[in-house]
Amino acid sequence: MSDTGGGHRASTEAIKATFNEQFGDKHQVFVTDLWTDHTLWPFNQLPRSYNFLVKYDPLWRMTYYLSAPCVVHQSNFAATSAFIARFHKLVTRCYCPSEEVARRALNAGFQPSQIKVFGLPVRPSFVKLVCPKVELRKELEMEGHLPAILLMGGGEGMGPIEATTRALADKRLGEPIGQVLVICGRNKKLADRLNSVDWKIPVQESGNVAYVIEKGCGKFSKSPKEIAKIVGEWFGPRQDERKVMSQNALRLAKPYAVFKIVHDKHQLLRQRSFVPPA
């Protein structure tokens, strides 16, 4: 994988963690960034991309055969819009997060037997119920009776997170009708700026758009003020719409995708063609 954000590392680490949880030390799972981990200066300082390997095929072949892995898993975070060049007909398995991507794989020339639709892999800890929601809210110092909106911009805290948070705060008039949780990721400057604001309400840190809208799971806007308006309506007169979207999202959820992917890989490794020579 390449540690470029967009869920690549998160999905890969989820698969590794699940292998360890399900099979202990039966498998050795390595998460590696070829540039950072296997090249010398100045190459390990280059942007995390695969452009160089694509141009120099012998280097890729040398790295591959030196490690001689039984299985290579390459993650690409795209729930619905997978670029045609991502599909290679020689793979043993193509794990698709949705039926839309599976259809693209078929159009790219894959056989149905190569395709598995399991969903996006997430860390096992996200699947397991740690404790009741009431207790979690207390632990996070959230209001117990108010609905909550999660505002996030990936691991880097990208996008108009701060502007949207401020717009949401400006919409709050009178008694509180909801609460906002902001995920800043690794963006410490964003977290520091938000923490420095004297908010009127408690604030806690802590190609897929069309799919979400089409399935009735959410709405989209680039305008922080428009987002604040939509959220305000979800807290107030359009609460029923928010509840319907929540149910739609639950119906689409595939929380056990990572377990299915790991067990399928385990079965592949047990097949004769995948058993390493003695």
Protein backbone atom coordinates (compact mmCIF):
# COMPACT_ATOMS: atom_id res chain seq x y z
CA MET A 1 0.00 0.00 0.00
CA SER A 2 0.96 3.65 -0.20
CA ASP A 3 0.31 5.79 2.84
CA THR A 4 -1.50 8.51 0.91
CA GLY A 5 -4.67 8.81 2.96
CA GLY A 6 -8.09 8.04 1.55
CA GLY A 7 -8.47 4.92 3.66
CA HIS A 8 -5.61 2.90 2.14
CA ARG A 9 -3.69 2.38 5.37
CA ALA A 10 -6.83 2.07 7.50
CA SER A 11 -8.22 -0.75 5.33
CA THR A 12 -4.87 -2.53 5.18
CA GLU A 13 -4.29 -2.28 8.93
CA ALA A 14 -7.83 -3.58 9.50
CA ILE A 15 -7.05 -6.71 7.49
CA LYS A 16 -3.79 -7.25 9.36
CA ALA A 17 -5.48 -6.83 12.75
CA THR A 18 -8.22 -9.27 11.81
CA PHE A 19 -5.70 -11.88 10.66
CA ASN A 20 -3.98 -11.61 14.04
CA GLU A 21 -7.27 -11.80 15.90
CA GLN A 22 -8.68 -14.74 13.96
CA PHE A 23 -5.57 -16.85 13.34
CA GLY A 24 -2.91 -15.67 15.78
CA ASP A 25 0.60 -16.45 14.53
CA LYS A 26 -0.49 -18.83 11.75
CA HIS A 27 0.10 -16.08 9.19
CA GLN A 28 2.73 -13.37 8.91
CA VAL A 29 1.13 -10.18 7.62
CA PHE A 30 3.35 -7.30 6.51
CA VAL A 31 2.04 -3.80 5.77
CA THR A 32 4.65 -2.06 3.69
CA ASP A 33 5.11 1.13 1.73
CA LEU A 34 7.60 0.19 -0.99
CA TRP A 35 9.10 3.67 -1.27
CA THR A 36 9.47 4.49 2.40
CA ASP A 37 10.43 1.03 3.63
CA HIS A 38 12.50 -0.49 0.81
CA THR A 39 14.45 2.24 -0.96
CA LEU A 40 17.43 4.39 -0.03
CA TRP A 41 17.76 8.15 -0.11
CA PRO A 42 16.73 10.09 -2.15
CA PHE A 43 14.04 7.69 -3.35
CA ASN A 44 12.54 7.21 0.10
CA GLN A 45 11.95 10.97 0.20
CA LEU A 46 9.84 11.04 -2.93
CA PRO A 47 6.06 11.47 -2.69
CA ARG A 48 4.31 8.26 -1.79
CA SER A 49 3.31 7.02 -5.21
CA TYR A 50 3.92 4.13 -7.54
CA ASN A 51 4.79 6.14 -10.67
CA PHE A 52 8.47 5.22 -10.50
CA LEU A 53 7.76 1.47 -10.24
CA VAL A 54 5.33 1.64 -13.14
CA LYS A 55 8.08 3.13 -15.31
CA TYR A 56 10.77 0.69 -14.14
CA ASP A 57 9.21 -2.74 -14.14
CA PRO A 58 12.44 -4.65 -13.24
CA LEU A 59 12.61 -2.88 -9.87
CA TRP A 60 9.06 -3.97 -9.06
CA ARG A 61 9.80 -7.56 -10.12
CA MET A 62 12.98 -7.65 -8.05
CA THR A 63 11.17 -6.40 -4.93
CA TYR A 64 8.34 -8.86 -5.44
CA TYR A 65 10.46 -11.96 -5.92
CA LEU A 66 12.90 -11.10 -3.13
CA SER A 67 10.05 -11.12 -0.62
CA ALA A 68 8.27 -14.12 -2.24
CA PRO A 69 4.92 -13.56 -0.47
CA CYS A 70 2.17 -16.19 -0.64
CA VAL A 71 -0.49 -13.52 -1.06
CA VAL A 72 -0.25 -9.85 -2.04
CA HIS A 73 -3.18 -7.60 -1.13
CA GLN A 74 -3.37 -4.14 -2.68
CA SER A 75 -5.96 -1.78 -1.22
CA ASN A 76 -7.68 0.97 -3.17
CA PHE A 77 -10.31 2.96 -1.31
CA ALA A 78 -13.19 3.45 -3.77
CA ALA A 79 -16.66 2.39 -2.67
CA THR A 80 -18.33 3.00 -6.02
CA SER A 81 -16.00 4.67 -8.56
CA ALA A 82 -13.11 2.35 -9.40
CA PHE A 83 -10.90 3.43 -12.31
CA ILE A 84 -10.66 0.77 -15.04
CA ALA A 85 -6.84 0.64 -14.75
CA ARG A 86 -7.22 -0.66 -11.19
CA PHE A 87 -8.50 -4.00 -12.47
CA HIS A 88 -5.97 -6.68 -13.44
CA LYS A 89 -7.42 -9.92 -14.79
CA LEU A 90 -4.57 -12.05 -13.41
CA VAL A 91 -5.51 -11.47 -9.76
CA THR A 92 -6.88 -14.44 -7.85
CA ARG A 93 -9.45 -12.38 -5.96
CA CYS A 94 -10.97 -8.96 -6.43
CA TYR A 95 -12.70 -7.89 -3.21
CA CYS A 96 -15.34 -5.34 -4.12
CA PRO A 97 -17.00 -3.01 -1.59
CA SER A 98 -20.23 -2.72 -3.59
CA GLU A 99 -22.21 -4.24 -6.45
CA GLU A 100 -21.37 -1.17 -8.53
CA VAL A 101 -17.65 -1.93 -8.36
CA ALA A 102 -18.32 -5.63 -9.01
CA ARG A 103 -20.08 -4.71 -12.26
CA ARG A 104 -17.06 -2.63 -13.27
CA ALA A 105 -14.83 -5.64 -12.61
CA LEU A 106 -17.03 -7.82 -14.84
CA ASN A 107 -16.88 -5.18 -17.57
CA ALA A 108 -13.08 -5.18 -17.22
CA GLY A 109 -13.02 -8.88 -18.13
CA PHE A 110 -13.04 -10.58 -14.74
CA GLN A 111 -14.66 -13.97 -14.26
CA PRO A 112 -17.46 -14.10 -11.66
CA SER A 113 -15.38 -16.59 -9.64
CA GLN A 114 -12.69 -13.93 -9.15
CA ILE A 115 -15.08 -11.41 -7.60
CA LYS A 116 -16.23 -11.25 -3.99
CA VAL A 117 -18.54 -8.47 -2.75
CA PHE A 118 -17.87 -8.16 0.98
CA GLY A 119 -17.82 -4.40 1.64
CA LEU A 120 -15.06 -2.08 2.87
CA PRO A 121 -12.80 -3.55 5.57
CA VAL A 122 -12.84 -1.66 8.86
CA ARG A 123 -10.96 -2.35 12.08
CA PRO A 124 -12.51 -5.13 14.19
CA SER A 125 -12.87 -2.67 17.09
CA PHE A 126 -15.43 -0.72 15.05
CA VAL A 127 -17.62 -3.80 14.71
CA LYS A 128 -17.69 -4.90 18.32
CA LEU A 129 -20.08 -3.25 20.77
CA VAL A 130 -17.81 -1.94 23.51
CA CYS A 131 -20.54 -0.62 25.80
CA PRO A 132 -24.06 0.86 25.51
CA LYS A 133 -24.46 4.19 23.72
CA VAL A 134 -25.56 5.88 26.95
CA GLU A 135 -22.27 4.98 28.63
CA LEU A 136 -20.22 5.99 25.58
CA ARG A 137 -21.87 9.40 25.55
CA LYS A 138 -20.96 9.90 29.21
CA GLU A 139 -17.37 8.85 28.52
CA LEU A 140 -17.13 11.36 25.65
CA GLU A 141 -18.77 14.07 27.80
CA MET A 142 -21.66 14.37 25.36
CA GLU A 143 -25.19 15.47 26.18
CA GLY A 144 -27.22 12.32 26.69
CA HIS A 145 -30.52 13.48 25.19
CA LEU A 146 -29.43 15.56 22.18
CA PRO A 147 -28.90 14.16 18.65
CA ALA A 148 -25.29 14.34 17.41
CA ILE A 149 -23.63 15.21 14.11
CA LEU A 150 -20.17 13.81 13.29
CA LEU A 151 -18.03 16.24 11.27
CA MET A 152 -14.88 14.74 9.76
CA GLY A 153 -12.35 15.22 6.96
CA GLY A 154 -10.29 12.04 6.92
CA GLY A 155 -7.03 11.38 8.72
CA GLU A 156 -5.65 14.78 7.73
CA GLY A 157 -8.72 16.78 8.77
CA MET A 158 -9.08 18.15 5.25
CA GLY A 159 -11.79 20.36 3.78
CA PRO A 160 -13.74 23.28 5.27
CA ILE A 161 -14.00 21.62 8.70
CA GLU A 162 -13.37 24.79 10.70
CA ALA A 163 -15.65 26.96 8.57
CA THR A 164 -18.44 24.38 8.78
CA THR A 165 -18.03 24.06 12.56
CA ARG A 166 -18.26 27.82 12.96
CA ALA A 167 -21.28 27.99 10.66
CA LEU A 168 -22.99 25.29 12.72
CA ALA A 169 -22.25 27.22 15.90
CA ASP A 170 -23.67 30.40 14.37
CA LYS A 171 -26.92 28.57 13.60
CA ARG A 172 -27.44 27.74 17.27
CA LEU A 173 -29.99 30.12 18.76
CA GLY A 174 -31.79 29.68 22.07
CA GLU A 175 -31.82 26.26 23.71
CA PRO A 176 -29.47 23.57 22.32
CA ILE A 177 -31.19 21.24 19.86
CA GLY A 178 -28.16 19.12 18.90
CA GLN A 179 -24.42 18.63 19.33
CA VAL A 180 -21.43 18.44 17.00
CA LEU A 181 -18.42 16.12 17.25
CA VAL A 182 -15.42 17.16 15.14
CA ILE A 183 -12.80 14.59 14.05
CA CYS A 184 -9.54 16.45 13.39
CA GLY A 185 -7.40 13.39 12.65
CA ARG A 186 -3.70 14.26 12.56
CA ASN A 187 -4.44 17.94 11.94
CA LYS A 188 -3.22 19.31 15.28
CA LYS A 189 -3.38 22.93 14.10
CA LEU A 190 -7.08 22.50 13.33
CA ALA A 191 -7.67 20.88 16.73
CA ASP A 192 -5.81 23.72 18.49
CA ARG A 193 -7.80 26.39 16.64
CA LEU A 194 -11.11 24.73 17.48
CA ASN A 195 -10.11 24.24 21.11
CA SER A 196 -9.23 27.92 21.40
CA VAL A 197 -12.76 29.03 20.47
CA ASP A 198 -15.22 29.85 23.25
CA TRP A 199 -18.09 27.82 21.83
CA LYS A 200 -21.67 28.51 22.85
CA ILE A 201 -22.19 24.76 23.03
CA PRO A 202 -19.90 21.91 24.12
CA VAL A 203 -17.61 20.75 21.32
CA GLN A 204 -15.77 17.42 21.45
CA GLU A 205 -12.85 16.43 19.23
CA SER A 206 -12.68 13.17 18.60
CA GLY A 207 -16.81 9.59 -6.90
CA ASN A 208 -18.65 8.21 -3.19
CA VAL A 209 -20.92 11.22 -2.81
CA ALA A 210 -23.33 10.21 -5.54
CA TYR A 211 -23.63 6.75 -4.00
CA VAL A 212 -24.54 8.18 -0.58
CA ILE A 213 -27.13 10.53 -2.06
CA GLU A 214 -28.61 7.91 -4.39
CA LYS A 215 -29.04 5.44 -1.53
CA GLY A 216 -30.74 8.06 0.64
CA CYS A 217 -28.01 8.11 3.29
CA GLY A 218 -27.07 11.78 3.19
CA LYS A 219 -26.93 15.13 1.43
CA PHE A 220 -24.04 16.99 -0.16
CA SER A 221 -22.99 20.64 -0.22
CA LYS A 222 -19.65 22.43 -0.55
CA SER A 223 -20.96 25.46 1.33
CA PRO A 224 -20.37 25.49 5.10
CA LYS A 225 -23.42 27.74 5.54
CA GLU A 226 -25.61 25.38 3.52
CA ILE A 227 -24.30 22.41 5.51
CA ALA A 228 -25.14 24.25 8.72
CA LYS A 229 -28.65 24.94 7.39
CA ILE A 230 -29.20 21.26 6.52
CA VAL A 231 -27.93 20.07 9.90
CA GLY A 232 -30.08 22.63 11.69
CA GLU A 233 -33.13 21.28 9.91
CA TRP A 234 -32.16 17.70 10.85
CA PHE A 235 -32.02 18.78 14.49
CA GLY A 236 -35.37 20.53 14.18
CA PRO A 237 -38.28 20.27 11.73
CA ARG A 238 -36.74 17.51 9.57
CA GLN A 239 -35.80 15.05 12.28
CA ASP A 240 -37.79 12.33 10.54
CA GLU A 241 -35.61 12.70 7.42
CA ARG A 242 -32.49 12.26 9.53
CA LYS A 243 -33.90 9.09 11.08
CA VAL A 244 -34.80 7.65 7.65
CA MET A 245 -31.26 8.35 6.39
CA SER A 246 -29.84 6.65 9.46
CA GLN A 247 -31.90 3.53 8.75
CA ASN A 248 -30.85 3.58 5.08
CA ALA A 249 -27.19 3.72 6.11
CA LEU A 250 -27.66 0.77 8.46
CA ARG A 251 -29.20 -1.28 5.66
CA LEU A 252 -26.15 -0.65 3.45
CA ALA A 253 -23.64 -1.40 6.19
CA LYS A 254 -21.38 -4.42 5.85
CA PRO A 255 -19.61 -4.35 9.22
CA TYR A 256 -18.16 -7.86 8.91
CA ALA A 257 -16.49 -7.29 5.52
CA VAL A 258 -12.97 -7.50 6.94
CA PHE A 259 -13.69 -10.88 8.57
CA LYS A 260 -15.03 -12.29 5.30
CA ILE A 261 -12.00 -11.01 3.37
CA VAL A 262 -9.55 -12.49 5.88
CA HIS A 263 -11.28 -15.89 6.00
CA ASP A 264 -11.42 -16.02 2.20
CA LYS A 265 -7.67 -15.31 2.04
CA HIS A 266 -7.08 -18.01 4.64
CA GLN A 267 -8.95 -20.52 2.48
CA LEU A 268 -6.92 -19.47 -0.56
CA LEU A 269 -3.72 -20.09 1.35
CA ARG A 270 -4.90 -23.57 2.28
CA GLN A 271 -5.54 -24.53 -1.33
CA ARG A 272 -2.85 -26.64 -2.95
CA SER A 273 -1.86 -23.99 -5.49
CA PHE A 274 -1.11 -21.55 -2.67
CA VAL A 275 0.90 -23.88 -0.43
CA PRO A 276 4.58 -22.82 -0.64
CA PRO A 277 6.97 -25.57 -1.79
CA ALA A 278 8.72 -27.39 1.06
